[in-house]
C-alpha atoms as a PDB file:
ATOM      1  CA  MET A   1      44.575 -24.428  74.574  1.00  0.00           C
ATOM      2  CA  ALA A   2      41.416 -22.853  75.949  1.00  0.00           C
ATOM      3  CA  GLN A   3      41.870 -19.855  73.685  1.00  0.00           C
ATOM      4  CA  ALA A   4      42.305 -22.117  70.653  1.00  0.00           C
ATOM      5  CA  ALA A   5      39.153 -24.044  71.571  1.00  0.00           C
ATOM      6  CA  ALA A   6      37.218 -20.794  71.914  1.00  0.00           C
ATOM      7  CA  LYS A   7      38.335 -19.674  68.493  1.00  0.00           C
ATOM      8  CA  ARG A   8      37.179 -22.971  67.012  1.00  0.00           C
ATOM      9  CA  ALA A   9      33.840 -22.721  68.779  1.00  0.00           C
ATOM     10  CA  ARG A  10      33.094 -19.245  67.422  1.00  0.00           C
ATOM     11  CA  PRO A  11      30.730 -19.379  64.463  1.00  0.00           C
ATOM     12  CA  LYS A  12      32.152 -17.987  61.322  1.00  0.00           C
ATOM     13  CA  SER A  13      30.417 -14.762  60.337  1.00  0.00           C
ATOM     14  CA  ARG A  14      29.085 -14.822  56.806  1.00  0.00           C
ATOM     15  CA  SER A  15      29.606 -11.672  54.867  1.00  0.00           C
ATOM     16  CA  ALA A  16      26.435 -10.267  53.302  1.00  0.00           C
ATOM     17  CA  PRO A  17      26.234 -10.707  49.532  1.00  0.00           C
ATOM     18  CA  PRO A  18      27.028  -7.547  47.618  1.00  0.00           C
ATOM     19  CA  ALA A  19      23.974  -5.508  46.816  1.00  0.00           C
ATOM     20  CA  ARG A  20      22.921  -5.799  43.210  1.00  0.00           C
ATOM     21  CA  ALA A  21      22.764  -2.620  41.248  1.00  0.00           C
ATOM     22  CA  ALA A  22      19.195  -1.556  40.610  1.00  0.00           C
ATOM     23  CA  ARG A  23      18.170  -2.180  37.039  1.00  0.00           C
ATOM     24  CA  PRO A  24      16.812   0.834  35.208  1.00  0.00           C
ATOM     25  CA  ALA A  25      13.113   0.623  34.684  1.00  0.00           C
ATOM     26  CA  LYS A  26      12.203  -0.385  31.185  1.00  0.00           C
ATOM     27  CA  ARG A  27      10.836   2.447  29.118  1.00  0.00           C
ATOM     28  CA  ARG A  28       7.379   1.777  27.937  1.00  0.00           C
ATOM     29  CA  GLY A  29       6.371   2.617  24.425  1.00  0.00           C
ATOM     30  CA  GLY A  30       9.906   3.263  23.205  1.00  0.00           C
ATOM     31  CA  LEU A  31       9.030   2.808  19.536  1.00  0.00           C
ATOM     32  CA  GLY A  32       5.903   4.901  19.871  1.00  0.00           C
ATOM     33  CA  VAL A  33       7.823   7.750  21.508  1.00  0.00           C
ATOM     34  CA  LEU A  34      10.456   7.575  18.761  1.00  0.00           C
ATOM     35  CA  LEU A  35       7.815   7.737  16.037  1.00  0.00           C
ATOM     36  CA  LEU A  36       6.079  10.625  17.796  1.00  0.00           C
ATOM     37  CA  ARG A  37       9.337  12.564  18.019  1.00  0.00           C
ATOM     38  CA  LEU A  38      10.026  11.860  14.361  1.00  0.00           C
ATOM     39  CA  LEU A  39       6.563  13.098  13.411  1.00  0.00           C
ATOM     40  CA  VAL A  40       7.057  16.271  15.449  1.00  0.00           C
ATOM     41  CA  LEU A  41      10.424  16.832  13.755  1.00  0.00           C
ATOM     42  CA  VAL A  42       8.887  16.413  10.296  1.00  0.00           C
ATOM     43  CA  LEU A  43       6.066  18.806  11.135  1.00  0.00           C
ATOM     44  CA  VAL A  44       8.527  21.371  12.487  1.00  0.00           C
ATOM     45  CA  VAL A  45      10.567  21.125   9.288  1.00  0.00           C
ATOM     46  CA  PHE A  46       7.515  21.513   7.068  1.00  0.00           C
ATOM     47  CA  LEU A  47       6.204  24.404   9.161  1.00  0.00           C
ATOM     48  CA  LEU A  48       9.405  26.396   9.683  1.00  0.00           C
ATOM     49  CA  VAL A  49      11.247  25.834   6.410  1.00  0.00           C
ATOM     50  CA  PRO A  50       8.479  26.899   3.962  1.00  0.00           C
ATOM     51  CA  PRO A  51       8.305  30.539   5.183  1.00  0.00           C
ATOM     52  CA  VAL A  52      12.037  30.901   4.556  1.00  0.00           C
ATOM     53  CA  LEU A  53      11.806  29.229   1.155  1.00  0.00           C
ATOM     54  CA  ALA A  54       8.748  31.288   0.244  1.00  0.00           C
ATOM     55  CA  VAL A  55      10.744  34.469   0.774  1.00  0.00           C
ATOM     56  CA  VAL A  56      13.692  33.081  -1.223  1.00  0.00           C
ATOM     57  CA  TYR A  57      11.508  31.743  -4.041  1.00  0.00           C
ATOM     58  CA  ARG A  58       9.802  35.098  -4.335  1.00  0.00           C
ATOM     59  CA  PHE A  59      12.948  36.155  -6.198  1.00  0.00           C
ATOM     60  CA  VAL A  60      14.816  32.921  -7.046  1.00  0.00           C
ATOM     61  CA  PRO A  61      13.437  30.002  -9.127  1.00  0.00           C
ATOM     62  CA  PRO A  62      12.945  26.795  -7.127  1.00  0.00           C
ATOM     63  CA  PRO A  63      15.929  24.621  -8.077  1.00  0.00           C
ATOM     64  CA  VAL A  64      14.042  21.325  -7.821  1.00  0.00           C
ATOM     65  CA  THR A  65      10.885  19.825  -6.301  1.00  0.00           C
ATOM     66  CA  ILE A  66      10.216  16.598  -4.421  1.00  0.00           C
ATOM     67  CA  LEU A  67       8.204  15.297  -7.381  1.00  0.00           C
ATOM     68  CA  MET A  68      11.097  15.970  -9.760  1.00  0.00           C
ATOM     69  CA  VAL A  69      13.459  13.992  -7.529  1.00  0.00           C
ATOM     70  CA  GLU A  70      10.943  11.158  -7.227  1.00  0.00           C
ATOM     71  CA  ARG A  71      10.376  10.949 -10.980  1.00  0.00           C
ATOM     72  CA  LEU A  72      14.115  11.097 -11.611  1.00  0.00           C
ATOM     73  CA  ALA A  73      14.590   8.122  -9.284  1.00  0.00           C
ATOM     74  CA  GLN A  74      11.896   6.306 -11.272  1.00  0.00           C
ATOM     75  CA  GLY A  75      13.941   6.800 -14.447  1.00  0.00           C
ATOM     76  CA  HIS A  76      11.890   9.550 -16.115  1.00  0.00           C
ATOM     77  CA  GLY A  77      14.749  12.029 -16.433  1.00  0.00           C
ATOM     78  CA  LEU A  78      14.621  15.739 -15.682  1.00  0.00           C
ATOM     79  CA  ASP A  79      13.997  18.522 -18.219  1.00  0.00           C
ATOM     80  CA  TYR A  80      13.324  21.745 -16.308  1.00  0.00           C
ATOM     81  CA  ARG A  81      14.018  25.151 -17.833  1.00  0.00           C
ATOM     82  CA  TRP A  82      12.891  28.272 -16.023  1.00  0.00           C
ATOM     83  CA  ARG A  83      11.258  31.079 -17.978  1.00  0.00           C
ATOM     84  CA  ALA A  84       9.924  34.377 -16.656  1.00  0.00           C
ATOM     85  CA  LEU A  85       6.180  34.864 -17.022  1.00  0.00           C
ATOM     86  CA  ASP A  86       6.792  37.582 -19.611  1.00  0.00           C
ATOM     87  CA  ASP A  87       8.681  35.004 -21.699  1.00  0.00           C
ATOM     88  CA  ILE A  88       5.764  32.552 -21.711  1.00  0.00           C
ATOM     89  CA  SER A  89       2.876  32.946 -24.131  1.00  0.00           C
ATOM     90  CA  PRO A  90      -0.101  34.595 -22.366  1.00  0.00           C
ATOM     91  CA  ALA A  91      -2.242  31.891 -23.946  1.00  0.00           C
ATOM     92  CA  LEU A  92      -0.792  29.299 -21.538  1.00  0.00           C
ATOM     93  CA  ALA A  93      -1.795  31.255 -18.438  1.00  0.00           C
ATOM     94  CA  GLN A  94      -5.226  31.883 -19.965  1.00  0.00           C
ATOM     95  CA  ALA A  95      -5.615  28.160 -20.641  1.00  0.00           C
ATOM     96  CA  ALA A  96      -4.592  27.359 -17.052  1.00  0.00           C
ATOM     97  CA  VAL A  97      -7.165  29.780 -15.652  1.00  0.00           C
ATOM     98  CA  ALA A  98      -9.837  28.489 -18.040  1.00  0.00           C
ATOM     99  CA  SER A  99      -9.241  24.860 -17.123  1.00  0.00           C
ATOM    100  CA  GLU A 100      -7.941  24.792 -13.570  1.00  0.00           C
ATOM    101  CA  ASP A 101      -9.128  27.875 -11.708  1.00  0.00           C
ATOM    102  CA  GLN A 102     -11.461  30.421 -13.297  1.00  0.00           C
ATOM    103  CA  ARG A 103     -11.632  32.477 -10.090  1.00  0.00           C
ATOM    104  CA  PHE A 104      -7.838  32.595  -9.717  1.00  0.00           C
ATOM    105  CA  CYS A 105      -7.747  36.410  -9.715  1.00  0.00           C
ATOM    106  CA  GLN A 106     -10.670  36.716  -7.284  1.00  0.00           C
ATOM    107  CA  HIS A 107      -9.918  34.270  -4.460  1.00  0.00           C
ATOM    108  CA  HIS A 108      -7.176  34.411  -1.852  1.00  0.00           C
ATOM    109  CA  GLY A 109      -5.871  30.901  -2.351  1.00  0.00           C
ATOM    110  CA  PHE A 110      -8.999  28.819  -1.817  1.00  0.00           C
ATOM    111  CA  ASP A 111     -12.118  28.595  -3.960  1.00  0.00           C
ATOM    112  CA  PHE A 112     -14.778  27.328  -1.581  1.00  0.00           C
ATOM    113  CA  ARG A 113     -17.414  27.294  -4.344  1.00  0.00           C
ATOM    114  CA  ALA A 114     -15.253  24.932  -6.394  1.00  0.00           C
ATOM    115  CA  MET A 115     -14.638  22.759  -3.330  1.00  0.00           C
ATOM    116  CA  GLU A 116     -18.365  22.491  -2.673  1.00  0.00           C
ATOM    117  CA  LYS A 117     -19.092  21.608  -6.308  1.00  0.00           C
ATOM    118  CA  ALA A 118     -16.327  18.984  -6.251  1.00  0.00           C
ATOM    119  CA  MET A 119     -17.741  17.434  -3.077  1.00  0.00           C
ATOM    120  CA  ARG A 120     -21.218  17.170  -4.573  1.00  0.00           C
ATOM    121  CA  ALA A 121     -19.838  15.717  -7.798  1.00  0.00           C
ATOM    122  CA  ASN A 122     -17.771  13.170  -5.883  1.00  0.00           C
ATOM    123  CA  GLU A 123     -20.803  12.148  -3.824  1.00  0.00           C
ATOM    124  CA  ARG A 124     -22.696  11.432  -7.045  1.00  0.00           C
ATOM    125  CA  VAL A 125     -19.742   9.445  -8.412  1.00  0.00           C
ATOM    126  CA  ALA A 126     -19.514   7.431  -5.196  1.00  0.00           C
ATOM    127  CA  ALA A 127     -23.270   6.749  -5.265  1.00  0.00           C
ATOM    128  CA  ARG A 128     -22.864   5.276  -8.752  1.00  0.00           C
ATOM    129  CA  GLY A 129     -19.972   3.133  -7.571  1.00  0.00           C
ATOM    130  CA  GLY A 130     -17.348   5.101  -9.514  1.00  0.00           C
ATOM    131  CA  SER A 131     -13.833   5.901  -8.387  1.00  0.00           C
ATOM    132  CA  LYS A 132     -12.831   8.888 -10.548  1.00  0.00           C
ATOM    133  CA  LEU A 133     -12.959  11.819  -8.135  1.00  0.00           C
ATOM    134  CA  ARG A 134     -12.983  15.496  -9.002  1.00  0.00           C
ATOM    135  CA  GLY A 135     -10.556  17.892  -7.337  1.00  0.00           C
ATOM    136  CA  GLY A 136     -11.321  21.399  -6.145  1.00  0.00           C
ATOM    137  CA  SER A 137      -7.774  22.679  -5.708  1.00  0.00           C
ATOM    138  CA  THR A 138      -6.893  26.137  -6.970  1.00  0.00           C
ATOM    139  CA  ILE A 139      -3.769  26.987  -8.944  1.00  0.00           C
ATOM    140  CA  SER A 140      -2.364  28.465  -5.724  1.00  0.00           C
ATOM    141  CA  GLN A 141      -2.901  25.173  -3.865  1.00  0.00           C
ATOM    142  CA  GLN A 142      -1.393  23.156  -6.691  1.00  0.00           C
ATOM    143  CA  THR A 143       1.643  25.441  -6.786  1.00  0.00           C
ATOM    144  CA  ALA A 144       2.151  25.168  -3.027  1.00  0.00           C
ATOM    145  CA  LYS A 145       1.959  21.381  -3.264  1.00  0.00           C
ATOM    146  CA  ASN A 146       4.304  21.201  -6.249  1.00  0.00           C
ATOM    147  CA  VAL A 147       6.982  23.407  -4.695  1.00  0.00           C
ATOM    148  CA  PHE A 148       6.958  22.448  -1.008  1.00  0.00           C
ATOM    149  CA  LEU A 149       5.346  19.020  -0.634  1.00  0.00           C
ATOM    150  CA  TRP A 150       5.159  15.470  -1.869  1.00  0.00           C
ATOM    151  CA  PRO A 151       2.491  13.893  -4.120  1.00  0.00           C
ATOM    152  CA  GLY A 152      -0.453  12.312  -2.363  1.00  0.00           C
ATOM    153  CA  ARG A 153      -3.905  12.880  -0.878  1.00  0.00           C
ATOM    154  CA  ASP A 154      -3.381  12.232   2.840  1.00  0.00           C
ATOM    155  CA  TYR A 155      -4.783  14.648   5.419  1.00  0.00           C
ATOM    156  CA  VAL A 156      -1.382  15.694   6.786  1.00  0.00           C
ATOM    157  CA  ARG A 157      -0.260  16.800   3.332  1.00  0.00           C
ATOM    158  CA  LYS A 158      -3.544  18.612   2.697  1.00  0.00           C
ATOM    159  CA  GLY A 159      -3.159  20.506   5.965  1.00  0.00           C
ATOM    160  CA  LEU A 160       0.386  21.540   5.112  1.00  0.00           C
ATOM    161  CA  GLU A 161      -0.775  22.481   1.625  1.00  0.00           C
ATOM    162  CA  ALA A 162      -3.307  24.913   3.089  1.00  0.00           C
ATOM    163  CA  TYR A 163      -0.586  26.469   5.255  1.00  0.00           C
ATOM    164  CA  ASP A 164       1.790  26.816   2.303  1.00  0.00           C
ATOM    165  CA  THR A 165      -0.979  28.269   0.137  1.00  0.00           C
ATOM    166  CA  VAL A 166      -1.524  31.082   2.617  1.00  0.00           C
ATOM    167  CA  LEU A 167       2.219  31.729   2.618  1.00  0.00           C
ATOM    168  CA  ILE A 168       2.595  32.104  -1.138  1.00  0.00           C
ATOM    169  CA  GLU A 169      -0.602  34.120  -1.520  1.00  0.00           C
ATOM    170  CA  THR A 170       0.769  36.519   1.086  1.00  0.00           C
ATOM    171  CA  ILE A 171       4.414  36.641   0.003  1.00  0.00           C
ATOM    172  CA  TRP A 172       4.333  36.008  -3.753  1.00  0.00           C
ATOM    173  CA  GLY A 173       1.155  37.439  -5.189  1.00  0.00           C
ATOM    174  CA  LYS A 174      -0.745  36.194  -8.225  1.00  0.00           C
ATOM    175  CA  ARG A 175       1.827  36.865 -10.955  1.00  0.00           C
ATOM    176  CA  ARG A 176       4.583  34.992  -9.133  1.00  0.00           C
ATOM    177  CA  ILE A 177       2.252  32.099  -8.290  1.00  0.00           C
ATOM    178  CA  MET A 178       1.313  31.688 -11.946  1.00  0.00           C
ATOM    179  CA  GLU A 179       4.940  32.061 -13.017  1.00  0.00           C
ATOM    180  CA  VAL A 180       6.064  29.295 -10.677  1.00  0.00           C
ATOM    181  CA  TYR A 181       3.086  27.110 -11.576  1.00  0.00           C
ATOM    182  CA  LEU A 182       3.793  27.259 -15.315  1.00  0.00           C
ATOM    183  CA  ASN A 183       7.457  26.424 -14.692  1.00  0.00           C
ATOM    184  CA  VAL A 184       7.244  23.501 -12.266  1.00  0.00           C
ATOM    185  CA  ALA A 185       4.048  21.776 -13.456  1.00  0.00           C
ATOM    186  CA  GLU A 186       4.663  18.223 -14.672  1.00  0.00           C
ATOM    187  CA  MET A 187       3.825  18.068 -18.385  1.00  0.00           C
ATOM    188  CA  GLY A 188       5.076  14.631 -19.304  1.00  0.00           C
ATOM    189  CA  PRO A 189       7.601  12.006 -18.163  1.00  0.00           C
ATOM    190  CA  GLY A 190      10.526  14.066 -16.886  1.00  0.00           C
ATOM    191  CA  ILE A 191       9.149  17.246 -18.506  1.00  0.00           C
ATOM    192  CA  TYR A 192       8.492  20.240 -16.277  1.00  0.00           C
ATOM    193  CA  GLY A 193       7.204  23.641 -17.228  1.00  0.00           C
ATOM    194  CA  ALA A 194       6.277  25.588 -20.310  1.00  0.00           C
ATOM    195  CA  GLU A 195       9.682  25.817 -21.987  1.00  0.00           C
ATOM    196  CA  ALA A 196      10.575  22.128 -21.779  1.00  0.00           C
ATOM    197  CA  ALA A 197       7.075  21.092 -22.906  1.00  0.00           C
ATOM    198  CA  ALA A 198       6.899  23.579 -25.784  1.00  0.00           C
ATOM    199  CA  ASP A 199      10.251  22.403 -27.076  1.00  0.00           C
ATOM    200  CA  ARG A 200       9.589  18.698 -26.612  1.00  0.00           C
ATOM    201  CA  TYR A 201       6.102  18.555 -28.112  1.00  0.00           C
ATOM    202  CA  PHE A 202       5.963  21.446 -30.608  1.00  0.00           C
ATOM    203  CA  ASN A 203       9.608  22.388 -31.250  1.00  0.00           C
ATOM    204  CA  GLU A 204       8.724  25.920 -30.135  1.00  0.00           C
ATOM    205  CA  ASP A 205       9.779  28.386 -27.475  1.00  0.00           C
ATOM    206  CA  ALA A 206       7.333  28.906 -24.629  1.00  0.00           C
ATOM    207  CA  SER A 207       6.824  32.476 -25.816  1.00  0.00           C
ATOM    208  CA  ASP A 208       5.572  31.270 -29.213  1.00  0.00           C
ATOM    209  CA  LEU A 209       2.883  28.822 -28.075  1.00  0.00           C
ATOM    210  CA  THR A 210      -0.395  29.294 -29.912  1.00  0.00           C
ATOM    211  CA  PRO A 211      -3.744  29.202 -28.069  1.00  0.00           C
ATOM    212  CA  ALA A 212      -4.424  25.724 -29.496  1.00  0.00           C
ATOM    213  CA  GLN A 213      -1.031  24.421 -28.325  1.00  0.00           C
ATOM    214  CA  ALA A 214      -1.505  26.022 -24.918  1.00  0.00           C
ATOM    215  CA  ALA A 215      -4.902  24.363 -24.564  1.00  0.00           C
ATOM    216  CA  ARG A 216      -3.398  20.976 -25.400  1.00  0.00           C
ATOM    217  CA  LEU A 217      -0.624  21.355 -22.830  1.00  0.00           C
ATOM    218  CA  ILE A 218      -3.041  22.292 -20.054  1.00  0.00           C
ATOM    219  CA  ALA A 219      -5.426  19.515 -21.113  1.00  0.00           C
ATOM    220  CA  ILE A 220      -2.953  16.808 -20.069  1.00  0.00           C
ATOM    221  CA  LEU A 221      -2.197  18.211 -16.592  1.00  0.00           C
ATOM    222  CA  PRO A 222      -4.492  15.863 -14.660  1.00  0.00           C
ATOM    223  CA  SER A 223      -2.523  12.844 -15.968  1.00  0.00           C
ATOM    224  CA  PRO A 224       0.714  14.012 -17.623  1.00  0.00           C
ATOM    225  CA  LEU A 225       2.287  10.556 -17.490  1.00  0.00           C
ATOM    226  CA  LYS A 226      -0.716   9.027 -19.259  1.00  0.00           C
ATOM    227  CA  TRP A 227      -1.791  11.680 -21.785  1.00  0.00           C
ATOM    228  CA  LYS A 228       0.122  13.536 -24.483  1.00  0.00           C
ATOM    229  CA  PRO A 229      -0.691  16.870 -26.143  1.00  0.00           C
ATOM    230  CA  VAL A 230       0.281  15.520 -29.580  1.00  0.00           C
ATOM    231  CA  LYS A 231      -1.059  12.410 -31.251  1.00  0.00           C
ATOM    232  CA  SER A 232      -3.510  12.200 -28.380  1.00  0.00           C
ATOM    233  CA  GLY A 233      -6.747  10.302 -28.085  1.00  0.00           C
ATOM    234  CA  ALA A 234     -10.302  11.544 -28.384  1.00  0.00           C
ATOM    235  CA  TYR A 235     -10.577  12.525 -24.726  1.00  0.00           C
ATOM    236  CA  VAL A 236      -7.584  14.902 -24.761  1.00  0.00           C
ATOM    237  CA  ALA A 237      -8.692  16.364 -28.091  1.00  0.00           C
ATOM    238  CA  ARG A 238     -12.193  16.981 -26.724  1.00  0.00           C
ATOM    239  CA  ARG A 239     -10.814  18.437 -23.494  1.00  0.00           C
ATOM    240  CA  SER A 240      -8.477  20.715 -25.493  1.00  0.00           C
ATOM    241  CA  ARG A 241     -11.384  22.077 -27.536  1.00  0.00           C
ATOM    242  CA  HIS A 242     -13.354  22.748 -24.365  1.00  0.00           C
ATOM    243  CA  ILE A 243     -10.413  24.630 -22.833  1.00  0.00           C
ATOM    244  CA  GLY A 244      -9.924  26.570 -26.072  1.00  0.00           C
ATOM    245  CA  GLY A 245     -13.524  27.719 -25.947  1.00  0.00           C
ATOM    246  CA  ALA A 246     -13.275  28.721 -22.291  1.00  0.00           C
ATOM    247  CA  MET A 247     -10.136  30.758 -23.032  1.00  0.00           C
ATOM    248  CA  GLY A 248     -12.287  33.188 -24.986  1.00  0.00           C
ATOM    249  CA  ALA A 249     -14.359  33.869 -21.868  1.00  0.00           C
ATOM    250  CA  VAL A 250     -11.174  34.330 -19.829  1.00  0.00           C
ATOM    251  CA  ARG A 251     -10.005  37.042 -22.232  1.00  0.00           C
ATOM    252  CA  GLU A 252     -13.374  38.749 -22.622  1.00  0.00           C
ATOM    253  CA  ASP A 253     -14.256  38.747 -18.924  1.00  0.00           C
ATOM    254  CA  GLY A 254     -10.788  39.675 -17.714  1.00  0.00           C
ATOM    255  CA  LEU A 255     -10.438  36.531 -15.602  1.00  0.00           C
ATOM    256  CA  ALA A 256      -6.652  36.684 -15.966  1.00  0.00           C
ATOM    257  CA  SER A 257      -6.351  40.451 -15.460  1.00  0.00           C
ATOM    258  CA  CYS A 258      -4.300  40.038 -12.270  1.00  0.00           C
ATOM    259  CA  LEU A 259      -1.452  38.671 -14.409  1.00  0.00           C
ATOM    260  CA  ARG A 260      -0.964  41.906 -16.311  1.00  0.00           C
ATOM    261  CA  ARG A 261       1.776  44.290 -15.300  1.00  0.00           C
END
């Protein structure tokens, strides 16, 4: 009886509650870290892939560009027919040099004189309240952008464009740069390069383009979705005549001599 009473008198020991598992600390800035990693990945891709492609495209035509894919998605179609530089009328390259980059054979990818002139011109336009800005990009820069990058004017793209320009100037040389430029340049809705444009607008082969036709094709390059080389307005006609006149200086002064074999 005494033992039973002692058992009843003993306080019941309470077992300690099980320890809760420690919660992992919340990561701060999860979205920011993800975006940073994504940006690093994109930069790595656009820094490491272009050297490989530049070597490949030194010998093989680029199969497609980002702009071509974008325009195709917009419903513009895709007419892209590669032609060797020797199969394109020399007048088209002369027109490109006359209009886009008269020091193409002298510079190494960047024309700092043209950049300075463009900056001063843009400052004057801005002072007058205008919005039509002048570009100072060389044919080499435009080719690098067309082949490796996306359309736009942001600083990231401009930095990558400079990197890609150095690559193609080093690996391709002037003839290949001009050859690629005249083949991938947008010359109308869904129209890319000399052969497709010559056929579409003049029912000619690229090799048979006359100087006047070449000048008209190059005249529309700033706005190929807006302007046409045939049945065009006064501005394109005036611009074509100006390019035609400058082509004479290109021939006489040997400004396209680096394109000769």
